[in-house]
C-alpha atoms as a PDB file:
ATOM      1  CA  MET A   1      77.308  80.864 108.672  1.00  0.00           C
ATOM      2  CA  ARG A   2      79.704  81.660 105.939  1.00  0.00           C
ATOM      3  CA  LEU A   3      78.265  80.426 102.855  1.00  0.00           C
ATOM      4  CA  GLU A   4      82.105  78.726 101.218  1.00  0.00           C
ATOM      5  CA  SER A   5      82.543  78.072  97.490  1.00  0.00           C
ATOM      6  CA  LYS A   6      82.983  74.969  95.920  1.00  0.00           C
ATOM      7  CA  VAL A   7      86.126  75.690  94.132  1.00  0.00           C
ATOM      8  CA  LYS A   8      88.770  77.267  96.377  1.00  0.00           C
ATOM      9  CA  LEU A   9      91.357  79.722  95.156  1.00  0.00           C
ATOM     10  CA  ASP A  10      94.545  79.932  97.064  1.00  0.00           C
ATOM     11  CA  VAL A  11      96.739  83.244  96.379  1.00  0.00           C
ATOM     12  CA  ARG A  12      99.642  83.315  98.334  1.00  0.00           C
ATOM     13  CA  GLY A  13      98.157  81.967 101.588  1.00  0.00           C
ATOM     14  CA  LYS A  14      95.015  83.701 101.439  1.00  0.00           C
ATOM     15  CA  VAL A  15      91.961  81.678 100.360  1.00  0.00           C
ATOM     16  CA  PHE A  16      89.143  83.030  98.405  1.00  0.00           C
ATOM     17  CA  GLY A  17      85.954  81.362  98.613  1.00  0.00           C
ATOM     18  CA  GLY A  18      86.896  79.584 102.144  1.00  0.00           C
ATOM     19  CA  ASP A  19      85.664  79.972 105.517  1.00  0.00           C
ATOM     20  CA  LYS A  20      87.041  83.631 106.025  1.00  0.00           C
ATOM     21  CA  ASN A  21      85.508  86.738 104.392  1.00  0.00           C
ATOM     22  CA  LEU A  22      88.723  88.636 103.322  1.00  0.00           C
ATOM     23  CA  SER A  23      89.119  92.254 103.070  1.00  0.00           C
ATOM     24  CA  CYS A  24      90.755  93.949 100.253  1.00  0.00           C
ATOM     25  CA  ILE A  25      92.410  97.918 100.859  1.00  0.00           C
ATOM     26  CA  PRO A  26      92.470  99.592  97.303  1.00  0.00           C
ATOM     27  CA  MET A  27      95.100 102.257  96.619  1.00  0.00           C
ATOM     28  CA  ILE A  28      94.450 104.804  93.949  1.00  0.00           C
ATOM     29  CA  PRO A  29      98.202 107.009  94.389  1.00  0.00           C
ATOM     30  CA  ALA A  30      99.041 109.435  91.439  1.00  0.00           C
ATOM     31  CA  THR A  31     102.603 109.494  91.800  1.00  0.00           C
ATOM     32  CA  ARG A  32     105.398 106.848  92.482  1.00  0.00           C
ATOM     33  CA  GLU A  33     106.397 108.631  95.523  1.00  0.00           C
ATOM     34  CA  ALA A  34     103.109 108.088  96.995  1.00  0.00           C
ATOM     35  CA  LEU A  35     102.727 104.917  95.930  1.00  0.00           C
ATOM     36  CA  VAL A  36     105.465 103.384  97.591  1.00  0.00           C
ATOM     37  CA  GLU A  37     104.248 105.673 100.734  1.00  0.00           C
ATOM     38  CA  GLU A  38     101.101 104.273 100.556  1.00  0.00           C
ATOM     39  CA  THR A  39     101.878 100.661 100.126  1.00  0.00           C
ATOM     40  CA  LYS A  40     103.853 100.710 103.286  1.00  0.00           C
ATOM     41  CA  MET A  41     100.808 102.473 105.479  1.00  0.00           C
ATOM     42  CA  VAL A  42      98.037  99.844 103.448  1.00  0.00           C
ATOM     43  CA  ALA A  43     100.274  96.344 104.120  1.00  0.00           C
ATOM     44  CA  ALA A  44     101.218  97.958 108.137  1.00  0.00           C
ATOM     45  CA  LEU A  45      97.126  97.450 108.305  1.00  0.00           C
ATOM     46  CA  ASN A  46      97.654  94.143 107.347  1.00  0.00           C
ATOM     47  CA  PRO A  47      94.824  93.584 104.759  1.00  0.00           C
ATOM     48  CA  ASP A  48      94.023  90.037 103.475  1.00  0.00           C
ATOM     49  CA  ILE A  49      94.658  91.776  99.453  1.00  0.00           C
ATOM     50  CA  ILE A  50      95.498  95.189  97.974  1.00  0.00           C
ATOM     51  CA  GLU A  51      94.291  96.772  95.111  1.00  0.00           C
ATOM     52  CA  TRP A  52      96.141  98.854  93.031  1.00  0.00           C
ATOM     53  CA  ARG A  53      93.755 100.919  90.922  1.00  0.00           C
ATOM     54  CA  VAL A  54      96.440 102.165  88.285  1.00  0.00           C
ATOM     55  CA  ASP A  55      94.344 103.900  86.404  1.00  0.00           C
ATOM     56  CA  TYR A  56      94.854 106.863  88.996  1.00  0.00           C
ATOM     57  CA  TYR A  57      98.261 106.385  88.432  1.00  0.00           C
ATOM     58  CA  ASP A  58     100.034 109.570  86.355  1.00  0.00           C
ATOM     59  CA  LYS A  59     101.947 107.023  83.849  1.00  0.00           C
ATOM     60  CA  ALA A  60      99.757 104.308  83.817  1.00  0.00           C
ATOM     61  CA  GLY A  61      99.682 104.376  80.027  1.00  0.00           C
ATOM     62  CA  ASP A  62     103.625 103.765  80.491  1.00  0.00           C
ATOM     63  CA  ALA A  63     104.233 100.083  80.522  1.00  0.00           C
ATOM     64  CA  GLN A  64     107.916 100.043  81.485  1.00  0.00           C
ATOM     65  CA  TYR A  65     107.125 102.834  84.405  1.00  0.00           C
ATOM     66  CA  VAL A  66     104.575 101.114  85.758  1.00  0.00           C
ATOM     67  CA  LYS A  67     106.646  97.497  85.935  1.00  0.00           C
ATOM     68  CA  GLU A  68     109.040  99.116  87.751  1.00  0.00           C
ATOM     69  CA  SER A  69     106.963 100.951  90.039  1.00  0.00           C
ATOM     70  CA  LEU A  70     105.463  97.527  91.009  1.00  0.00           C
ATOM     71  CA  GLU A  71     108.740  96.096  91.356  1.00  0.00           C
ATOM     72  CA  GLU A  72     109.477  98.726  93.865  1.00  0.00           C
ATOM     73  CA  ILE A  73     106.764  98.420  95.640  1.00  0.00           C
ATOM     74  CA  GLY A  74     107.222  94.561  95.979  1.00  0.00           C
ATOM     75  CA  GLN A  75     109.760  94.806  98.796  1.00  0.00           C
ATOM     76  CA  TYR A  76     106.927  96.310 101.007  1.00  0.00           C
ATOM     77  CA  LEU A  77     104.159  94.029 100.447  1.00  0.00           C
ATOM     78  CA  ASN A  78     104.576  91.522 103.142  1.00  0.00           C
ATOM     79  CA  ASP A  79     103.922  88.853 100.865  1.00  0.00           C
ATOM     80  CA  ILE A  80     100.204  90.275 100.661  1.00  0.00           C
ATOM     81  CA  PRO A  81      98.815  89.544  96.811  1.00  0.00           C
ATOM     82  CA  VAL A  82      97.991  92.187  95.113  1.00  0.00           C
ATOM     83  CA  ILE A  83      95.020  92.800  92.484  1.00  0.00           C
ATOM     84  CA  PHE A  84      96.013  94.757  89.594  1.00  0.00           C
ATOM     85  CA  THR A  85      93.230  96.881  88.441  1.00  0.00           C
ATOM     86  CA  PHE A  86      93.407  99.364  85.115  1.00  0.00           C
ATOM     87  CA  ARG A  87      89.667  99.974  84.970  1.00  0.00           C
ATOM     88  CA  HIS A  88      88.245 100.885  81.689  1.00  0.00           C
ATOM     89  CA  LYS A  89      86.624 104.357  81.738  1.00  0.00           C
ATOM     90  CA  CYS A  90      83.083 103.507  80.976  1.00  0.00           C
ATOM     91  CA  GLU A  91      83.336 101.516  84.181  1.00  0.00           C
ATOM     92  CA  GLY A  92      84.568 103.880  86.554  1.00  0.00           C
ATOM     93  CA  GLY A  93      88.284 104.362  85.274  1.00  0.00           C
ATOM     94  CA  ALA A  94      89.814 107.520  86.366  1.00  0.00           C
ATOM     95  CA  LYS A  95      91.365 107.977  82.610  1.00  0.00           C
ATOM     96  CA  GLU A  96      90.597 106.534  79.092  1.00  0.00           C
ATOM     97  CA  TYR A  97      93.432 104.993  77.496  1.00  0.00           C
ATOM     98  CA  PRO A  98      93.318 102.658  73.987  1.00  0.00           C
ATOM     99  CA  GLN A  99      93.058  98.734  74.754  1.00  0.00           C
ATOM    100  CA  ASP A 100      96.199  98.462  73.357  1.00  0.00           C
ATOM    101  CA  VAL A 101      97.857 100.302  76.226  1.00  0.00           C
ATOM    102  CA  ARG A 102      95.791  98.769  78.844  1.00  0.00           C
ATOM    103  CA  LEU A 103      96.682  95.446  77.545  1.00  0.00           C
ATOM    104  CA  ALA A 104     100.515  96.386  77.506  1.00  0.00           C
ATOM    105  CA  THR A 105     100.531  97.345  80.992  1.00  0.00           C
ATOM    106  CA  ILE A 106      98.560  94.215  82.139  1.00  0.00           C
ATOM    107  CA  LYS A 107     101.269  92.232  80.408  1.00  0.00           C
ATOM    108  CA  ALA A 108     104.006  93.973  82.357  1.00  0.00           C
ATOM    109  CA  ALA A 109     102.687  94.034  85.417  1.00  0.00           C
ATOM    110  CA  LEU A 110     102.161  89.986  85.085  1.00  0.00           C
ATOM    111  CA  GLU A 111     106.021  90.111  84.331  1.00  0.00           C
ATOM    112  CA  THR A 112     106.801  91.249  87.700  1.00  0.00           C
ATOM    113  CA  GLY A 113     105.485  88.294  89.773  1.00  0.00           C
ATOM    114  CA  HIS A 114     103.374  90.787  91.903  1.00  0.00           C
ATOM    115  CA  ALA A 115     100.507  90.690  90.038  1.00  0.00           C
ATOM    116  CA  ASP A 116      98.516  88.050  91.424  1.00  0.00           C
ATOM    117  CA  ILE A 117      95.224  88.814  90.163  1.00  0.00           C
ATOM    118  CA  ILE A 118      93.998  90.656  87.142  1.00  0.00           C
ATOM    119  CA  ASP A 119      90.615  92.717  87.003  1.00  0.00           C
ATOM    120  CA  VAL A 120      89.192  93.520  83.749  1.00  0.00           C
ATOM    121  CA  GLU A 121      85.515  94.590  82.832  1.00  0.00           C
ATOM    122  CA  ALA A 122      83.700  91.747  81.141  1.00  0.00           C
ATOM    123  CA  CYS A 123      82.311  94.118  78.697  1.00  0.00           C
ATOM    124  CA  ASN A 124      85.481  94.379  76.954  1.00  0.00           C
ATOM    125  CA  GLU A 125      85.345  92.922  73.629  1.00  0.00           C
ATOM    126  CA  LYS A 126      86.091  89.180  73.819  1.00  0.00           C
ATOM    127  CA  GLU A 127      89.356  89.457  71.854  1.00  0.00           C
ATOM    128  CA  PHE A 128      91.017  91.477  74.994  1.00  0.00           C
ATOM    129  CA  ILE A 129      89.157  89.097  77.343  1.00  0.00           C
ATOM    130  CA  ASP A 130      90.719  86.071  76.129  1.00  0.00           C
ATOM    131  CA  ALA A 131      94.432  87.976  75.561  1.00  0.00           C
ATOM    132  CA  VAL A 132      94.211  89.083  79.251  1.00  0.00           C
ATOM    133  CA  LYS A 133      93.506  85.540  80.165  1.00  0.00           C
ATOM    134  CA  ALA A 134      95.954  83.608  78.105  1.00  0.00           C
ATOM    135  CA  ALA A 135      98.705  86.227  79.701  1.00  0.00           C
ATOM    136  CA  VAL A 136      97.280  85.413  83.346  1.00  0.00           C
ATOM    137  CA  VAL A 137      97.129  81.734  82.840  1.00  0.00           C
ATOM    138  CA  ALA A 138     100.947  81.998  81.665  1.00  0.00           C
ATOM    139  CA  ALA A 139     102.116  83.942  84.418  1.00  0.00           C
ATOM    140  CA  GLY A 140     100.200  81.991  87.091  1.00  0.00           C
ATOM    141  CA  SER A 141      97.787  84.514  88.237  1.00  0.00           C
ATOM    142  CA  LYS A 142      94.215  84.793  88.463  1.00  0.00           C
ATOM    143  CA  LEU A 143      91.420  86.809  86.540  1.00  0.00           C
ATOM    144  CA  ILE A 144      88.282  88.981  87.930  1.00  0.00           C
ATOM    145  CA  LEU A 145      86.024  89.707  85.339  1.00  0.00           C
ATOM    146  CA  SER A 146      84.044  92.597  86.692  1.00  0.00           C
ATOM    147  CA  PHE A 147      80.702  94.410  85.939  1.00  0.00           C
ATOM    148  CA  HIS A 148      79.920  97.866  87.461  1.00  0.00           C
ATOM    149  CA  ASN A 149      76.177 100.314  87.637  1.00  0.00           C
ATOM    150  CA  PHE A 150      76.902 103.422  89.255  1.00  0.00           C
ATOM    151  CA  THR A 151      73.417 104.676  88.772  1.00  0.00           C
ATOM    152  CA  GLU A 152      71.035 101.865  89.701  1.00  0.00           C
ATOM    153  CA  THR A 153      70.801  98.084  90.480  1.00  0.00           C
ATOM    154  CA  PRO A 154      69.541  95.789  87.653  1.00  0.00           C
ATOM    155  CA  SER A 155      66.679  92.921  88.240  1.00  0.00           C
ATOM    156  CA  GLU A 156      67.956  89.623  89.992  1.00  0.00           C
ATOM    157  CA  GLU A 157      67.776  87.938  86.851  1.00  0.00           C
ATOM    158  CA  PHE A 158      70.318  90.258  85.132  1.00  0.00           C
ATOM    159  CA  ILE A 159      72.669  89.845  88.058  1.00  0.00           C
ATOM    160  CA  TYR A 160      72.507  86.158  88.396  1.00  0.00           C
ATOM    161  CA  ASN A 161      72.820  85.710  84.259  1.00  0.00           C
ATOM    162  CA  LYS A 162      75.935  88.366  84.377  1.00  0.00           C
ATOM    163  CA  LEU A 163      77.510  86.368  87.243  1.00  0.00           C
ATOM    164  CA  ILE A 164      77.266  83.268  84.988  1.00  0.00           C
ATOM    165  CA  GLU A 165      78.316  85.364  82.076  1.00  0.00           C
ATOM    166  CA  GLU A 166      81.662  85.802  83.868  1.00  0.00           C
ATOM    167  CA  LYS A 167      82.229  82.519  84.689  1.00  0.00           C
ATOM    168  CA  GLU A 168      81.785  81.459  81.043  1.00  0.00           C
ATOM    169  CA  LEU A 169      84.244  84.190  79.665  1.00  0.00           C
ATOM    170  CA  GLY A 170      86.923  82.942  81.815  1.00  0.00           C
ATOM    171  CA  ALA A 171      86.954  84.576  84.935  1.00  0.00           C
ATOM    172  CA  ASP A 172      88.257  82.538  88.328  1.00  0.00           C
ATOM    173  CA  ILE A 173      86.576  85.665  90.190  1.00  0.00           C
ATOM    174  CA  PRO A 174      83.339  86.349  88.998  1.00  0.00           C
ATOM    175  CA  LYS A 175      82.845  90.523  90.251  1.00  0.00           C
ATOM    176  CA  LEU A 176      79.768  92.525  90.104  1.00  0.00           C
ATOM    177  CA  ALA A 177      79.400  96.111  91.900  1.00  0.00           C
ATOM    178  CA  VAL A 178      75.918  97.802  91.597  1.00  0.00           C
ATOM    179  CA  MET A 179      73.917 100.628  93.313  1.00  0.00           C
ATOM    180  CA  PRO A 180      71.135 100.811  95.413  1.00  0.00           C
ATOM    181  CA  LYS A 181      68.279 103.411  95.173  1.00  0.00           C
ATOM    182  CA  ASN A 182      66.664 101.529  98.648  1.00  0.00           C
ATOM    183  CA  PHE A 183      67.265  98.779 100.924  1.00  0.00           C
ATOM    184  CA  LEU A 184      65.128  96.307  98.476  1.00  0.00           C
ATOM    185  CA  ASP A 185      67.967  96.842  95.595  1.00  0.00           C
ATOM    186  CA  VAL A 186      70.174  95.856  98.596  1.00  0.00           C
ATOM    187  CA  MET A 187      68.558  92.736  98.768  1.00  0.00           C
ATOM    188  CA  THR A 188      68.300  92.104  95.302  1.00  0.00           C
ATOM    189  CA  LEU A 189      71.901  92.126  95.168  1.00  0.00           C
ATOM    190  CA  MET A 190      72.073  89.511  97.999  1.00  0.00           C
ATOM    191  CA  LYS A 191      69.411  87.052  96.694  1.00  0.00           C
ATOM    192  CA  ALA A 192      70.922  87.091  93.291  1.00  0.00           C
ATOM    193  CA  THR A 193      74.387  86.862  94.718  1.00  0.00           C
ATOM    194  CA  TYR A 194      72.986  83.636  96.735  1.00  0.00           C
ATOM    195  CA  ARG A 195      71.333  81.867  93.973  1.00  0.00           C
ATOM    196  CA  ALA A 196      74.519  82.016  91.912  1.00  0.00           C
ATOM    197  CA  ARG A 197      76.224  80.542  94.815  1.00  0.00           C
ATOM    198  CA  THR A 198      74.051  77.784  95.212  1.00  0.00           C
ATOM    199  CA  GLU A 199      72.852  77.077  91.827  1.00  0.00           C
ATOM    200  CA  ALA A 200      75.204  77.984  88.953  1.00  0.00           C
ATOM    201  CA  VAL A 201      78.693  79.626  89.773  1.00  0.00           C
ATOM    202  CA  ASP A 202      80.958  77.184  92.055  1.00  0.00           C
ATOM    203  CA  LEU A 203      83.728  79.648  91.445  1.00  0.00           C
ATOM    204  CA  PRO A 204      84.553  82.472  94.692  1.00  0.00           C
ATOM    205  CA  MET A 205      82.526  85.559  93.788  1.00  0.00           C
ATOM    206  CA  ILE A 206      82.821  89.081  94.758  1.00  0.00           C
ATOM    207  CA  THR A 207      79.362  91.363  94.832  1.00  0.00           C
ATOM    208  CA  MET A 208      78.950  94.372  96.687  1.00  0.00           C
ATOM    209  CA  SER A 209      75.863  96.915  96.498  1.00  0.00           C
ATOM    210  CA  MET A 210      77.437 100.563  96.852  1.00  0.00           C
ATOM    211  CA  GLY A 211      76.942 103.819  98.138  1.00  0.00           C
ATOM    212  CA  GLU A 212      75.202 104.274 102.021  1.00  0.00           C
ATOM    213  CA  VAL A 213      72.409 101.891 101.307  1.00  0.00           C
ATOM    214  CA  GLY A 214      74.897  99.300 100.281  1.00  0.00           C
ATOM    215  CA  LYS A 215      77.190  99.930 103.268  1.00  0.00           C
ATOM    216  CA  ILE A 216      75.881  96.332 105.061  1.00  0.00           C
ATOM    217  CA  SER A 217      76.350  94.526 101.791  1.00  0.00           C
ATOM    218  CA  ARG A 218      80.562  95.047 102.762  1.00  0.00           C
ATOM    219  CA  VAL A 219      79.922  93.543 106.433  1.00  0.00           C
ATOM    220  CA  ILE A 220      77.724  90.592 105.692  1.00  0.00           C
ATOM    221  CA  GLY A 221      78.228  89.490 101.994  1.00  0.00           C
ATOM    222  CA  ASP A 222      79.855  86.342 102.975  1.00  0.00           C
ATOM    223  CA  LEU A 223      76.424  85.182 104.544  1.00  0.00           C
ATOM    224  CA  TYR A 224      75.219  85.047 101.107  1.00  0.00           C
ATOM    225  CA  GLY A 225      78.049  84.236  98.733  1.00  0.00           C
ATOM    226  CA  SER A 226      80.842  87.048  98.556  1.00  0.00           C
ATOM    227  CA  ASP A 227      84.270  86.418  99.155  1.00  0.00           C
ATOM    228  CA  MET A 228      86.020  89.587  99.650  1.00  0.00           C
ATOM    229  CA  SER A 229      85.015  93.443 101.017  1.00  0.00           C
ATOM    230  CA  PHE A 230      87.014  96.394 100.023  1.00  0.00           C
ATOM    231  CA  VAL A 231      87.440  98.526 102.597  1.00  0.00           C
ATOM    232  CA  VAL A 232      89.186 101.948 103.434  1.00  0.00           C
ATOM    233  CA  GLY A 233      93.011 101.910 104.324  1.00  0.00           C
ATOM    234  CA  LYS A 234      94.156 106.028 103.328  1.00  0.00           C
ATOM    235  CA  ALA A 235      91.381 106.550 100.474  1.00  0.00           C
ATOM    236  CA  ALA A 236      88.085 105.101  99.073  1.00  0.00           C
ATOM    237  CA  SER A 237      87.907 103.610  95.483  1.00  0.00           C
ATOM    238  CA  ALA A 238      84.141 103.558  95.205  1.00  0.00           C
ATOM    239  CA  PRO A 239      81.372 104.750  97.171  1.00  0.00           C
ATOM    240  CA  GLY A 240      80.265 103.249 100.590  1.00  0.00           C
ATOM    241  CA  GLN A 241      83.674 101.632 101.371  1.00  0.00           C
ATOM    242  CA  ILE A 242      83.870 101.415 105.442  1.00  0.00           C
ATOM    243  CA  PRO A 243      87.468 101.680 107.188  1.00  0.00           C
ATOM    244  CA  VAL A 244      89.561  98.466 107.477  1.00  0.00           C
ATOM    245  CA  ALA A 245      89.319  98.784 111.785  1.00  0.00           C
ATOM    246  CA  ILE A 246      85.605  99.044 111.848  1.00  0.00           C
ATOM    247  CA  VAL A 247      84.861  96.391 109.567  1.00  0.00           C
ATOM    248  CA  ASN A 248      87.512  94.327 111.111  1.00  0.00           C
ATOM    249  CA  GLU A 249      85.427  94.982 114.638  1.00  0.00           C
ATOM    250  CA  LEU A 250      82.171  94.376 113.060  1.00  0.00           C
ATOM    251  CA  TRP A 251      83.432  90.833 111.652  1.00  0.00           C
ATOM    252  CA  LYS A 252      84.588  89.811 114.976  1.00  0.00           C
ATOM    253  CA  LEU A 253      81.044  90.442 116.486  1.00  0.00           C
ATOM    254  CA  LEU A 254      79.328  88.612 113.743  1.00  0.00           C
ATOM    255  CA  ALA A 255      81.561  85.615 114.125  1.00  0.00           C
END
């Protein structure tokens, strides 16, 4: 039985924290032409959410170009919500950019009306997070604050406290992704998420255990408190993501 959030967030009709686990297909194209073609393809797969990882874009640092690109693909989105992610290099971003460039690009994206959710890392300095939060609120969008560890799974207490910290920093949706070395690590992630959901975080959350070992967390995350799973459309943006068609079939079997 799905473990729902006390707080539900409706984003273009998709409810985070409700009675349905949401699917999100990430896009990592390098050029505008590739972005347009991939958007058409991904939208046809009808995911609940699309994520654009703009840090992979060849002109990610050009705020106006990114804004125009997002406006162009808007006509193909079919009202599917977009998570706009300009990932920091230290947490898996494709390239390194100055913070003022990242902030300018995020603000430009918000001006289009298509950046429904902004994802930035909780490790950013408070001034940066506060500036992003203010822009998100002004645009009527939502904020994901995220944490990634691509080498290991921290302790249950660390994960639990990190999700609380993200909430306290202003996240509408706390997010955490860690790398397991064995299935006990996956269980650590599950238990910490369950504790956060039932004890301390009344918001929608996204948590996952990455890699081959952690794949199961992308299928049954909603049973212990995670509200969205990243699935593969054209190309994976993180290790362990499963093709959308397979995930949909597994969810049907578990329903």
